[in-house]
């Protein structure tokens, strides 16, 4: 649950910085979003690796 709350805070901050921030704040917001995307993709890839059906050697 903590991860979800942190994600919400991160998204809210990014929206504020993209709409109201100076150029350096906008760059940091974009970096933060890109970082979040990479983290979420890594979680999905790990899940798929851990729980993908294993092929049978016949």
PDB file of N, CA and C in Angstrom:
ATOM      1  N   UNK A   1       0.813  -1.189   0.000  1.00  0.00           N
ATOM      2  CA  UNK A   1       0.000   0.000   0.000  1.00  0.00           C
ATOM      3  C   UNK A   1       0.860   1.259   0.000  1.00  0.00           C
ATOM      4  N   UNK A   2       2.005   1.186   0.694  1.00  0.00           N
ATOM      5  CA  UNK A   2       2.905   2.339   0.715  1.00  0.00           C
ATOM      6  C   UNK A   2       3.380   2.696  -0.681  1.00  0.00           C
ATOM      7  N   UNK A   3       3.640   1.671  -1.508  1.00  0.00           N
ATOM      8  CA  UNK A   3       4.084   1.932  -2.880  1.00  0.00           C
ATOM      9  C   UNK A   3       3.030   2.704  -3.652  1.00  0.00           C
ATOM     10  N   UNK A   4       1.783   2.352  -3.450  1.00  0.00           N
ATOM     11  CA  UNK A   4       0.692   3.027  -4.149  1.00  0.00           C
ATOM     12  C   UNK A   4       0.598   4.490  -3.725  1.00  0.00           C
ATOM     13  N   UNK A   5       0.720   4.736  -2.437  1.00  0.00           N
ATOM     14  CA  UNK A   5       0.672   6.117  -1.938  1.00  0.00           C
ATOM     15  C   UNK A   5       1.843   6.921  -2.483  1.00  0.00           C
ATOM     16  N   UNK A   6       3.032   6.319  -2.515  1.00  0.00           N
ATOM     17  CA  UNK A   6       4.200   7.006  -3.068  1.00  0.00           C
ATOM     18  C   UNK A   6       4.016   7.306  -4.550  1.00  0.00           C
ATOM     19  N   UNK A   7       3.435   6.366  -5.287  1.00  0.00           N
ATOM     20  CA  UNK A   7       3.180   6.589  -6.716  1.00  0.00           C
ATOM     21  C   UNK A   7       2.208   7.747  -6.922  1.00  0.00           C
ATOM     22  N   UNK A   8       1.162   7.799  -6.103  1.00  0.00           N
ATOM     23  CA  UNK A   8       0.190   8.892  -6.216  1.00  0.00           C
ATOM     24  C   UNK A   8       0.863  10.229  -5.944  1.00  0.00           C
ATOM     25  N   UNK A   9       1.673  10.298  -4.909  1.00  0.00           N
ATOM     26  CA  UNK A   9       2.382  11.538  -4.577  1.00  0.00           C
ATOM     27  C   UNK A   9       3.332  11.939  -5.698  1.00  0.00           C
ATOM     28  N   UNK A  10       4.020  10.958  -6.273  1.00  0.00           N
ATOM     29  CA  UNK A  10       4.955  11.213  -7.355  1.00  0.00           C
ATOM     30  C   UNK A  10       4.235  11.742  -8.594  1.00  0.00           C
ATOM     31  N   UNK A  11       3.083  11.143  -8.897  1.00  0.00           N
ATOM     32  CA  UNK A  11       2.291  11.593 -10.049  1.00  0.00           C
ATOM     33  C   UNK A  11       1.735  12.992  -9.824  1.00  0.00           C
ATOM     34  N   UNK A  12       1.248  13.260  -8.627  1.00  0.00           N
ATOM     35  CA  UNK A  12       0.727  14.595  -8.323  1.00  0.00           C
ATOM     36  C   UNK A  12       1.820  15.649  -8.446  1.00  0.00           C
ATOM     37  N   UNK A  13       2.979  15.345  -7.920  1.00  0.00           N
ATOM     38  CA  UNK A  13       4.108  16.266  -7.997  1.00  0.00           C
ATOM     39  C   UNK A  13       4.518  16.516  -9.444  1.00  0.00           C
ATOM     40  N   UNK A  14       4.546  15.457 -10.243  1.00  0.00           N
ATOM     41  CA  UNK A  14       4.914  15.597 -11.655  1.00  0.00           C
ATOM     42  C   UNK A  14       3.916  16.482 -12.389  1.00  0.00           C
ATOM     43  N   UNK A  15       2.634  16.298 -12.119  1.00  0.00           N
ATOM     44  CA  UNK A  15       1.607  17.122 -12.776  1.00  0.00           C
ATOM     45  C   UNK A  15       1.799  18.592 -12.406  1.00  0.00           C
ATOM     46  N   UNK A  16       2.030  18.859 -11.139  1.00  0.00           N
ATOM     47  CA  UNK A  16       2.235  20.240 -10.700  1.00  0.00           C
ATOM     48  C   UNK A  16       3.464  20.832 -11.375  1.00  0.00           C
ATOM     49  N   UNK A  17       4.566  20.087 -11.382  1.00  0.00           N
ATOM     50  CA  UNK A  17       5.796  20.601 -11.981  1.00  0.00           C
ATOM     51  C   UNK A  17       5.674  20.789 -13.493  1.00  0.00           C
ATOM     52  N   UNK A  18       4.933  19.926 -14.153  1.00  0.00           N
ATOM     53  CA  UNK A  18       4.761  20.069 -15.604  1.00  0.00           C
ATOM     54  C   UNK A  18       3.847  21.237 -15.954  1.00  0.00           C
ATOM     55  N   UNK A  19       2.883  21.529 -15.106  1.00  0.00           N
ATOM     56  CA  UNK A  19       1.953  22.616 -15.416  1.00  0.00           C
ATOM     57  C   UNK A  19       2.410  23.965 -14.881  1.00  0.00           C
ATOM     58  N   UNK A  20       3.152  23.976 -13.774  1.00  0.00           N
ATOM     59  CA  UNK A  20       3.502  25.239 -13.133  1.00  0.00           C
ATOM     60  C   UNK A  20       4.997  25.486 -13.002  1.00  0.00           C
ATOM     61  N   UNK A  21       5.803  24.464 -13.215  1.00  0.00           N
ATOM     62  CA  UNK A  21       7.223  24.567 -12.916  1.00  0.00           C
ATOM     63  C   UNK A  21       8.052  25.241 -13.990  1.00  0.00           C
ATOM     64  N   UNK A  22       9.245  25.625 -13.582  1.00  0.00           N
ATOM     65  CA  UNK A  22      10.242  26.147 -14.515  1.00  0.00           C
ATOM     66  C   UNK A  22      10.802  24.981 -15.324  1.00  0.00           C
ATOM     67  N   UNK A  23      11.626  25.291 -16.312  1.00  0.00           N
ATOM     68  CA  UNK A  23      12.112  24.247 -17.223  1.00  0.00           C
ATOM     69  C   UNK A  23      12.872  23.136 -16.498  1.00  0.00           C
ATOM     70  N   UNK A  24      13.669  23.489 -15.487  1.00  0.00           N
ATOM     71  CA  UNK A  24      14.393  22.433 -14.770  1.00  0.00           C
ATOM     72  C   UNK A  24      13.441  21.553 -13.961  1.00  0.00           C
ATOM     73  N   UNK A  25      12.378  22.135 -13.432  1.00  0.00           N
ATOM     74  CA  UNK A  25      11.380  21.352 -12.709  1.00  0.00           C
ATOM     75  C   UNK A  25      10.603  20.446 -13.664  1.00  0.00           C
ATOM     76  N   UNK A  26      10.365  20.920 -14.860  1.00  0.00           N
ATOM     77  CA  UNK A  26       9.687  20.100 -15.865  1.00  0.00           C
ATOM     78  C   UNK A  26      10.556  18.923 -16.276  1.00  0.00           C
ATOM     79  N   UNK A  27      11.856  19.160 -16.441  1.00  0.00           N
ATOM     80  CA  UNK A  27      12.769  18.065 -16.772  1.00  0.00           C
ATOM     81  C   UNK A  27      12.791  17.014 -15.668  1.00  0.00           C
ATOM     82  N   UNK A  28      12.804  17.466 -14.406  1.00  0.00           N
ATOM     83  CA  UNK A  28      12.799  16.528 -13.281  1.00  0.00           C
ATOM     84  C   UNK A  28      11.480  15.747 -13.227  1.00  0.00           C
ATOM     85  N   UNK A  29      10.375  16.395 -13.561  1.00  0.00           N
ATOM     86  CA  UNK A  29       9.078  15.711 -13.570  1.00  0.00           C
ATOM     87  C   UNK A  29       9.074  14.620 -14.630  1.00  0.00           C
ATOM     88  N   UNK A  30       9.594  14.939 -15.805  1.00  0.00           N
ATOM     89  CA  UNK A  30       9.653  13.948 -16.884  1.00  0.00           C
ATOM     90  C   UNK A  30      10.570  12.795 -16.482  1.00  0.00           C
ATOM     91  N   UNK A  31      11.718  13.113 -15.880  1.00  0.00           N
ATOM     92  CA  UNK A  31      12.626  12.069 -15.410  1.00  0.00           C
ATOM     93  C   UNK A  31      11.932  11.177 -14.383  1.00  0.00           C
ATOM     94  N   UNK A  32      11.183  11.790 -13.470  1.00  0.00           N
ATOM     95  CA  UNK A  32      10.472  11.036 -12.444  1.00  0.00           C
ATOM     96  C   UNK A  32       9.457  10.087 -13.069  1.00  0.00           C
ATOM     97  N   UNK A  33       8.718  10.558 -14.070  1.00  0.00           N
ATOM     98  CA  UNK A  33       7.732   9.710 -14.742  1.00  0.00           C
ATOM     99  C   UNK A  33       8.408   8.584 -15.516  1.00  0.00           C
ATOM    100  N   UNK A  34       9.502   8.903 -16.202  1.00  0.00           N
ATOM    101  CA  UNK A  34      10.234   7.867 -16.939  1.00  0.00           C
ATOM    102  C   UNK A  34      10.785   6.812 -15.987  1.00  0.00           C
ATOM    103  N   UNK A  35      11.266   7.252 -14.843  1.00  0.00           N
ATOM    104  CA  UNK A  35      11.783   6.331 -13.837  1.00  0.00           C
ATOM    105  C   UNK A  35      10.664   5.424 -13.321  1.00  0.00           C
ATOM    106  N   UNK A  36       9.498   6.002 -13.077  1.00  0.00           N
ATOM    107  CA  UNK A  36       8.362   5.216 -12.606  1.00  0.00           C
ATOM    108  C   UNK A  36       7.956   4.178 -13.641  1.00  0.00           C
ATOM    109  N   UNK A  37       7.929   4.568 -14.892  1.00  0.00           N
ATOM    110  CA  UNK A  37       7.587   3.639 -15.973  1.00  0.00           C
ATOM    111  C   UNK A  37       8.582   2.483 -16.003  1.00  0.00           C
ATOM    112  N   UNK A  38       9.872   2.781 -15.912  1.00  0.00           N
ATOM    113  CA  UNK A  38      10.900   1.740 -15.928  1.00  0.00           C
ATOM    114  C   UNK A  38      10.738   0.787 -14.748  1.00  0.00           C
ATOM    115  N   UNK A  39      10.439   1.336 -13.571  1.00  0.00           N
ATOM    116  CA  UNK A  39      10.243   0.490 -12.395  1.00  0.00           C
ATOM    117  C   UNK A  39       9.046  -0.433 -12.576  1.00  0.00           C
ATOM    118  N   UNK A  40       7.950   0.107 -13.110  1.00  0.00           N
ATOM    119  CA  UNK A  40       6.737  -0.705 -13.297  1.00  0.00           C
ATOM    120  C   UNK A  40       6.971  -1.787 -14.350  1.00  0.00           C
ATOM    121  N   UNK A  41       7.698  -1.463 -15.406  1.00  0.00           N
ATOM    122  CA  UNK A  41       8.018  -2.459 -16.435  1.00  0.00           C
ATOM    123  C   UNK A  41       8.868  -3.581 -15.850  1.00  0.00           C
ATOM    124  N   UNK A  42       9.807  -3.228 -14.979  1.00  0.00           N
ATOM    125  CA  UNK A  42      10.660  -4.238 -14.350  1.00  0.00           C
ATOM    126  C   UNK A  42       9.834  -5.168 -13.467  1.00  0.00           C
ATOM    127  N   UNK A  43       8.853  -4.619 -12.766  1.00  0.00           N
ATOM    128  CA  UNK A  43       7.985  -5.442 -11.930  1.00  0.00           C
ATOM    129  C   UNK A  43       7.193  -6.425 -12.793  1.00  0.00           C
ATOM    130  N   UNK A  44       6.666  -5.930 -13.914  1.00  0.00           N
ATOM    131  CA  UNK A  44       5.892  -6.792 -14.821  1.00  0.00           C
ATOM    132  C   UNK A  44       6.781  -7.885 -15.406  1.00  0.00           C
ATOM    133  N   UNK A  45       7.983  -7.527 -15.846  1.00  0.00           N
ATOM    134  CA  UNK A  45       8.902  -8.511 -16.415  1.00  0.00           C
ATOM    135  C   UNK A  45       9.267  -9.576 -15.391  1.00  0.00           C
ATOM    136  N   UNK A  46       9.509  -9.161 -14.146  1.00  0.00           N
ATOM    137  CA  UNK A  46       9.834 -10.132 -13.098  1.00  0.00           C
ATOM    138  C   UNK A  46       8.643 -11.050 -12.851  1.00  0.00           C
ATOM    139  N   UNK A  47       7.456 -10.492 -12.801  1.00  0.00           N
ATOM    140  CA  UNK A  47       6.258 -11.313 -12.604  1.00  0.00           C
ATOM    141  C   UNK A  47       6.119 -12.328 -13.729  1.00  0.00           C
ATOM    142  N   UNK A  48       6.288 -11.861 -14.962  1.00  0.00           N
ATOM    143  CA  UNK A  48       6.153 -12.764 -16.106  1.00  0.00           C
ATOM    144  C   UNK A  48       7.213 -13.854 -16.075  1.00  0.00           C
ATOM    145  N   UNK A  49       8.417 -13.514 -15.685  1.00  0.00           N
ATOM    146  CA  UNK A  49       9.495 -14.499 -15.592  1.00  0.00           C
ATOM    147  C   UNK A  49       9.207 -15.519 -14.500  1.00  0.00           C
ATOM    148  N   UNK A  50       8.753 -15.031 -13.359  1.00  0.00           N
ATOM    149  CA  UNK A  50       8.500 -15.916 -12.215  1.00  0.00           C
ATOM    150  C   UNK A  50       7.282 -16.816 -12.429  1.00  0.00           C
ATOM    151  N   UNK A  51       6.267 -16.332 -13.116  1.00  0.00           N
ATOM    152  CA  UNK A  51       5.010 -17.059 -13.205  1.00  0.00           C
ATOM    153  C   UNK A  51       4.625 -17.519 -14.596  1.00  0.00           C
ATOM    154  N   UNK A  52       5.504 -17.332 -15.556  1.00  0.00           N
ATOM    155  CA  UNK A  52       5.211 -17.804 -16.923  1.00  0.00           C
ATOM    156  C   UNK A  52       5.175 -19.318 -16.929  1.00  0.00           C
ATOM    157  N   UNK A  53       4.295 -19.871 -17.738  1.00  0.00           N
ATOM    158  CA  UNK A  53       4.269 -21.342 -17.830  1.00  0.00           C
ATOM    159  C   UNK A  53       5.610 -21.867 -18.339  1.00  0.00           C
ATOM    160  N   UNK A  54       6.075 -22.917 -17.708  1.00  0.00           N
ATOM    161  CA  UNK A  54       7.346 -23.527 -18.106  1.00  0.00           C
ATOM    162  C   UNK A  54       7.086 -24.522 -19.236  1.00  0.00           C
ATOM    163  N   UNK A  55       7.984 -24.528 -20.195  1.00  0.00           N
ATOM    164  CA  UNK A  55       7.830 -25.494 -21.286  1.00  0.00           C
ATOM    165  C   UNK A  55       8.308 -26.854 -20.803  1.00  0.00           C
ATOM    166  N   UNK A  56       7.613 -27.869 -21.240  1.00  0.00           N
ATOM    167  CA  UNK A  56       7.962 -29.233 -20.853  1.00  0.00           C
ATOM    168  C   UNK A  56       8.920 -29.852 -21.866  1.00  0.00           C
ATOM    169  N   UNK A  57       9.927 -30.519 -21.373  1.00  0.00           N
ATOM    170  CA  UNK A  57      10.836 -31.260 -22.252  1.00  0.00           C
ATOM    171  C   UNK A  57      10.242 -32.637 -22.478  1.00  0.00           C
ATOM    172  N   UNK A  58       9.868 -32.883 -23.701  1.00  0.00           N
ATOM    173  CA  UNK A  58       9.257 -34.190 -24.014  1.00  0.00           C
ATOM    174  C   UNK A  58      10.129 -34.907 -25.013  1.00  0.00           C
TER     175      UNK A  58
END
